[in-house]
């Protein structure tokens, strides 16, 4: 069980700002706002994706904010997405912070004449940087813990 200490007003504000950063990332993804999503990262950011879970080699690694554009644009292949953010932990050390956060991502698309949904359980291992009073992702490691794809059926009338 974690031991909680009193937060200063500045630390509470930093924690809220980091949570808002995490939520803004999901919001931009679901709204297909690649420019907005890229703006959440430092210029020299690093993004690594581990499609086979933690412990293996990264599926791919991107260095620099501009390298993120094709990844965020790739979300356009889905008809709809919903990223639901869950628990997160953050450790702040001055103008740097680290954290782990969870997301359940839903991706709806059409294939072979039918609609499908891919659901993925994601974890992000992040390093954050505070620049000019704002928090940004300095490094993001996206880990796919599991995923499932299945037909998406319309609800039946009762």
C-alpha atoms as a PDB file:
ATOM      1  CA  UNK A   1       0.000   0.000   0.000  1.00  0.00           C
ATOM      2  CA  UNK A   2       1.338   3.405  -0.960  1.00  0.00           C
ATOM      3  CA  UNK A   3       2.113   5.935   1.734  1.00  0.00           C
ATOM      4  CA  UNK A   4       0.513   9.275   0.985  1.00  0.00           C
ATOM      5  CA  UNK A   5       2.040  12.496   2.149  1.00  0.00           C
ATOM      6  CA  UNK A   6       0.598  15.952   2.008  1.00  0.00           C
ATOM      7  CA  UNK A   7       0.887  17.596  -1.370  1.00  0.00           C
ATOM      8  CA  UNK A   8       1.983  21.134  -1.846  1.00  0.00           C
ATOM      9  CA  UNK A   9      -0.211  23.289  -4.057  1.00  0.00           C
ATOM     10  CA  UNK A  10       2.558  23.278  -6.698  1.00  0.00           C
ATOM     11  CA  UNK A  11       2.836  19.476  -6.687  1.00  0.00           C
ATOM     12  CA  UNK A  12      -0.947  19.092  -6.894  1.00  0.00           C
ATOM     13  CA  UNK A  13      -0.974  21.476  -9.871  1.00  0.00           C
ATOM     14  CA  UNK A  14       1.837  19.495 -11.553  1.00  0.00           C
ATOM     15  CA  UNK A  15       0.001  16.195 -10.999  1.00  0.00           C
ATOM     16  CA  UNK A  16      -3.198  17.618 -12.450  1.00  0.00           C
ATOM     17  CA  UNK A  17      -1.319  19.035 -15.448  1.00  0.00           C
ATOM     18  CA  UNK A  18       0.318  15.656 -16.151  1.00  0.00           C
ATOM     19  CA  UNK A  19      -3.053  13.896 -15.938  1.00  0.00           C
ATOM     20  CA  UNK A  20      -4.515  16.490 -18.318  1.00  0.00           C
ATOM     21  CA  UNK A  21      -1.587  15.800 -20.675  1.00  0.00           C
ATOM     22  CA  UNK A  22      -2.368  12.068 -20.615  1.00  0.00           C
ATOM     23  CA  UNK A  23      -6.062  12.744 -21.252  1.00  0.00           C
ATOM     24  CA  UNK A  24      -5.297  15.272 -24.022  1.00  0.00           C
ATOM     25  CA  UNK A  25      -3.273  12.597 -25.834  1.00  0.00           C
ATOM     26  CA  UNK A  26      -6.302  10.256 -25.896  1.00  0.00           C
ATOM     27  CA  UNK A  27      -8.680  13.077 -26.845  1.00  0.00           C
ATOM     28  CA  UNK A  28      -6.507  14.136 -29.789  1.00  0.00           C
ATOM     29  CA  UNK A  29      -6.243  10.503 -30.933  1.00  0.00           C
ATOM     30  CA  UNK A  30     -10.021  10.046 -30.896  1.00  0.00           C
ATOM     31  CA  UNK A  31     -10.589  13.356 -32.717  1.00  0.00           C
ATOM     32  CA  UNK A  32      -7.845  12.631 -35.286  1.00  0.00           C
ATOM     33  CA  UNK A  33      -5.984  15.762 -34.262  1.00  0.00           C
ATOM     34  CA  UNK A  34      -2.458  14.675 -35.184  1.00  0.00           C
ATOM     35  CA  UNK A  35      -1.094  18.240 -34.905  1.00  0.00           C
ATOM     36  CA  UNK A  36      -2.547  18.603 -31.418  1.00  0.00           C
ATOM     37  CA  UNK A  37      -1.203  15.213 -30.423  1.00  0.00           C
ATOM     38  CA  UNK A  38       2.291  16.058 -31.689  1.00  0.00           C
ATOM     39  CA  UNK A  39       2.242  19.335 -29.748  1.00  0.00           C
ATOM     40  CA  UNK A  40       2.077  17.331 -26.508  1.00  0.00           C
ATOM     41  CA  UNK A  41       5.650  16.082 -27.041  1.00  0.00           C
ATOM     42  CA  UNK A  42       9.041  17.716 -26.638  1.00  0.00           C
ATOM     43  CA  UNK A  43      10.895  18.460 -29.885  1.00  0.00           C
ATOM     44  CA  UNK A  44      13.480  15.735 -29.103  1.00  0.00           C
ATOM     45  CA  UNK A  45      10.967  13.161 -27.897  1.00  0.00           C
ATOM     46  CA  UNK A  46      11.316   9.405 -28.207  1.00  0.00           C
ATOM     47  CA  UNK A  47       8.378   7.031 -28.759  1.00  0.00           C
ATOM     48  CA  UNK A  48       8.861   3.268 -28.594  1.00  0.00           C
ATOM     49  CA  UNK A  49       6.062   0.765 -29.253  1.00  0.00           C
ATOM     50  CA  UNK A  50       6.102  -2.777 -27.901  1.00  0.00           C
ATOM     51  CA  UNK A  51       3.382  -4.682 -29.778  1.00  0.00           C
ATOM     52  CA  UNK A  52       4.377  -8.006 -28.157  1.00  0.00           C
ATOM     53  CA  UNK A  53       4.294  -6.742 -24.574  1.00  0.00           C
ATOM     54  CA  UNK A  54       6.951  -5.690 -22.145  1.00  0.00           C
ATOM     55  CA  UNK A  55      10.334  -7.369 -22.101  1.00  0.00           C
ATOM     56  CA  UNK A  56      10.902  -7.852 -25.810  1.00  0.00           C
ATOM     57  CA  UNK A  57      12.389  -5.691 -28.476  1.00  0.00           C
ATOM     58  CA  UNK A  58      10.549  -2.529 -29.498  1.00  0.00           C
ATOM     59  CA  UNK A  59       8.423  -3.037 -32.615  1.00  0.00           C
ATOM     60  CA  UNK A  60       9.496   0.423 -33.676  1.00  0.00           C
ATOM     61  CA  UNK A  61      11.144   3.515 -32.214  1.00  0.00           C
ATOM     62  CA  UNK A  62      10.597   7.084 -33.384  1.00  0.00           C
ATOM     63  CA  UNK A  63      12.896   9.967 -32.483  1.00  0.00           C
ATOM     64  CA  UNK A  64      11.770  13.576 -32.638  1.00  0.00           C
ATOM     65  CA  UNK A  65       8.320  15.164 -32.656  1.00  0.00           C
ATOM     66  CA  UNK A  66       8.067  15.323 -36.459  1.00  0.00           C
ATOM     67  CA  UNK A  67       8.609  11.554 -36.739  1.00  0.00           C
ATOM     68  CA  UNK A  68       5.309  11.011 -34.898  1.00  0.00           C
ATOM     69  CA  UNK A  69       3.095  12.394 -37.703  1.00  0.00           C
ATOM     70  CA  UNK A  70       2.690   9.132 -39.690  1.00  0.00           C
ATOM     71  CA  UNK A  71       1.839   7.157 -36.545  1.00  0.00           C
ATOM     72  CA  UNK A  72      -0.895   9.556 -35.478  1.00  0.00           C
ATOM     73  CA  UNK A  73      -2.192   9.852 -39.047  1.00  0.00           C
ATOM     74  CA  UNK A  74      -2.487   6.046 -39.161  1.00  0.00           C
ATOM     75  CA  UNK A  75      -5.514   6.329 -36.850  1.00  0.00           C
ATOM     76  CA  UNK A  76      -7.443   7.651 -39.872  1.00  0.00           C
ATOM     77  CA  UNK A  77      -7.865   4.067 -41.089  1.00  0.00           C
ATOM     78  CA  UNK A  78     -10.370   3.483 -38.286  1.00  0.00           C
ATOM     79  CA  UNK A  79     -13.997   4.573 -38.504  1.00  0.00           C
ATOM     80  CA  UNK A  80     -13.992   5.371 -34.798  1.00  0.00           C
ATOM     81  CA  UNK A  81     -11.742   5.019 -31.780  1.00  0.00           C
ATOM     82  CA  UNK A  82     -12.294   5.428 -28.072  1.00  0.00           C
ATOM     83  CA  UNK A  83      -9.381   5.542 -25.681  1.00  0.00           C
ATOM     84  CA  UNK A  84     -10.530   5.114 -22.082  1.00  0.00           C
ATOM     85  CA  UNK A  85      -7.852   6.162 -19.592  1.00  0.00           C
ATOM     86  CA  UNK A  86      -7.593   4.378 -16.277  1.00  0.00           C
ATOM     87  CA  UNK A  87      -5.232   4.479 -13.344  1.00  0.00           C
ATOM     88  CA  UNK A  88      -1.889   6.189 -13.426  1.00  0.00           C
ATOM     89  CA  UNK A  89       1.055   6.763 -11.127  1.00  0.00           C
ATOM     90  CA  UNK A  90       3.451   9.684 -11.319  1.00  0.00           C
ATOM     91  CA  UNK A  91       6.697  10.520  -9.535  1.00  0.00           C
ATOM     92  CA  UNK A  92       7.762  14.156  -9.836  1.00  0.00           C
ATOM     93  CA  UNK A  93      11.347  15.320  -9.412  1.00  0.00           C
ATOM     94  CA  UNK A  94      11.567  19.033 -10.133  1.00  0.00           C
ATOM     95  CA  UNK A  95      11.009  19.687 -13.844  1.00  0.00           C
ATOM     96  CA  UNK A  96      11.101  15.964 -14.704  1.00  0.00           C
ATOM     97  CA  UNK A  97       8.643  13.223 -13.881  1.00  0.00           C
ATOM     98  CA  UNK A  98       8.056   9.569 -14.654  1.00  0.00           C
ATOM     99  CA  UNK A  99       4.835   7.633 -14.704  1.00  0.00           C
ATOM    100  CA  UNK A 100       2.873   4.583 -15.706  1.00  0.00           C
ATOM    101  CA  UNK A 101      -0.666   4.859 -17.049  1.00  0.00           C
ATOM    102  CA  UNK A 102      -3.267   2.483 -18.429  1.00  0.00           C
ATOM    103  CA  UNK A 103      -5.617   2.800 -21.403  1.00  0.00           C
ATOM    104  CA  UNK A 104      -8.214   0.524 -22.962  1.00  0.00           C
ATOM    105  CA  UNK A 105      -8.290   1.431 -26.656  1.00  0.00           C
ATOM    106  CA  UNK A 106     -11.217   0.555 -28.946  1.00  0.00           C
ATOM    107  CA  UNK A 107     -10.716   0.676 -32.735  1.00  0.00           C
ATOM    108  CA  UNK A 108     -13.689   0.164 -35.087  1.00  0.00           C
ATOM    109  CA  UNK A 109     -13.145  -0.627 -38.773  1.00  0.00           C
ATOM    110  CA  UNK A 110     -14.707  -2.405 -41.748  1.00  0.00           C
ATOM    111  CA  UNK A 111     -13.178  -5.438 -43.391  1.00  0.00           C
ATOM    112  CA  UNK A 112     -14.508  -8.050 -45.824  1.00  0.00           C
ATOM    113  CA  UNK A 113     -17.997  -6.547 -45.785  1.00  0.00           C
ATOM    114  CA  UNK A 114     -18.363  -6.479 -42.007  1.00  0.00           C
ATOM    115  CA  UNK A 115     -17.490  -4.251 -39.094  1.00  0.00           C
ATOM    116  CA  UNK A 116     -14.880  -5.296 -36.555  1.00  0.00           C
ATOM    117  CA  UNK A 117     -13.553  -3.982 -33.295  1.00  0.00           C
ATOM    118  CA  UNK A 118     -10.030  -4.304 -31.995  1.00  0.00           C
ATOM    119  CA  UNK A 119      -9.686  -3.722 -28.271  1.00  0.00           C
ATOM    120  CA  UNK A 120      -6.233  -3.315 -26.743  1.00  0.00           C
ATOM    121  CA  UNK A 121      -5.023  -3.007 -23.173  1.00  0.00           C
ATOM    122  CA  UNK A 122      -2.214  -0.461 -23.264  1.00  0.00           C
ATOM    123  CA  UNK A 123       0.308   0.704 -20.705  1.00  0.00           C
ATOM    124  CA  UNK A 124       2.435   3.774 -21.142  1.00  0.00           C
ATOM    125  CA  UNK A 125       5.758   4.168 -19.362  1.00  0.00           C
ATOM    126  CA  UNK A 126       6.413   7.875 -19.632  1.00  0.00           C
ATOM    127  CA  UNK A 127       9.058  10.455 -18.909  1.00  0.00           C
ATOM    128  CA  UNK A 128       7.713  13.995 -18.701  1.00  0.00           C
ATOM    129  CA  UNK A 129       9.489  17.340 -18.977  1.00  0.00           C
ATOM    130  CA  UNK A 130       8.263  20.662 -17.622  1.00  0.00           C
ATOM    131  CA  UNK A 131       9.099  23.435 -20.082  1.00  0.00           C
ATOM    132  CA  UNK A 132       7.939  27.045 -19.613  1.00  0.00           C
ATOM    133  CA  UNK A 133       5.490  25.958 -16.894  1.00  0.00           C
ATOM    134  CA  UNK A 134       3.891  23.278 -19.129  1.00  0.00           C
ATOM    135  CA  UNK A 135       4.301  19.495 -19.031  1.00  0.00           C
ATOM    136  CA  UNK A 136       5.184  17.477 -22.150  1.00  0.00           C
ATOM    137  CA  UNK A 137       5.984  13.876 -23.039  1.00  0.00           C
ATOM    138  CA  UNK A 138       9.780  13.575 -23.309  1.00  0.00           C
ATOM    139  CA  UNK A 139       9.658   9.812 -23.800  1.00  0.00           C
ATOM    140  CA  UNK A 140       6.746   7.431 -24.262  1.00  0.00           C
ATOM    141  CA  UNK A 141       6.961   3.646 -24.207  1.00  0.00           C
ATOM    142  CA  UNK A 142       3.670   2.151 -25.372  1.00  0.00           C
ATOM    143  CA  UNK A 143       3.237  -1.472 -24.294  1.00  0.00           C
ATOM    144  CA  UNK A 144       0.430  -3.597 -25.703  1.00  0.00           C
ATOM    145  CA  UNK A 145      -0.381  -6.010 -22.873  1.00  0.00           C
ATOM    146  CA  UNK A 146      -3.108  -7.768 -24.878  1.00  0.00           C
ATOM    147  CA  UNK A 147      -5.491  -7.207 -27.745  1.00  0.00           C
ATOM    148  CA  UNK A 148      -8.599  -8.851 -29.143  1.00  0.00           C
ATOM    149  CA  UNK A 149     -10.305  -8.473 -32.521  1.00  0.00           C
ATOM    150  CA  UNK A 150     -13.880  -9.603 -33.069  1.00  0.00           C
ATOM    151  CA  UNK A 151     -16.921  -8.868 -35.238  1.00  0.00           C
ATOM    152  CA  UNK A 152     -18.870  -5.814 -34.177  1.00  0.00           C
ATOM    153  CA  UNK A 153     -22.571  -6.510 -34.280  1.00  0.00           C
ATOM    154  CA  UNK A 154     -25.393  -4.044 -33.975  1.00  0.00           C
ATOM    155  CA  UNK A 155     -27.528  -4.383 -30.852  1.00  0.00           C
ATOM    156  CA  UNK A 156     -30.769  -6.263 -31.359  1.00  0.00           C
ATOM    157  CA  UNK A 157     -34.132  -4.594 -30.681  1.00  0.00           C
ATOM    158  CA  UNK A 158     -36.038  -5.897 -27.693  1.00  0.00           C
END
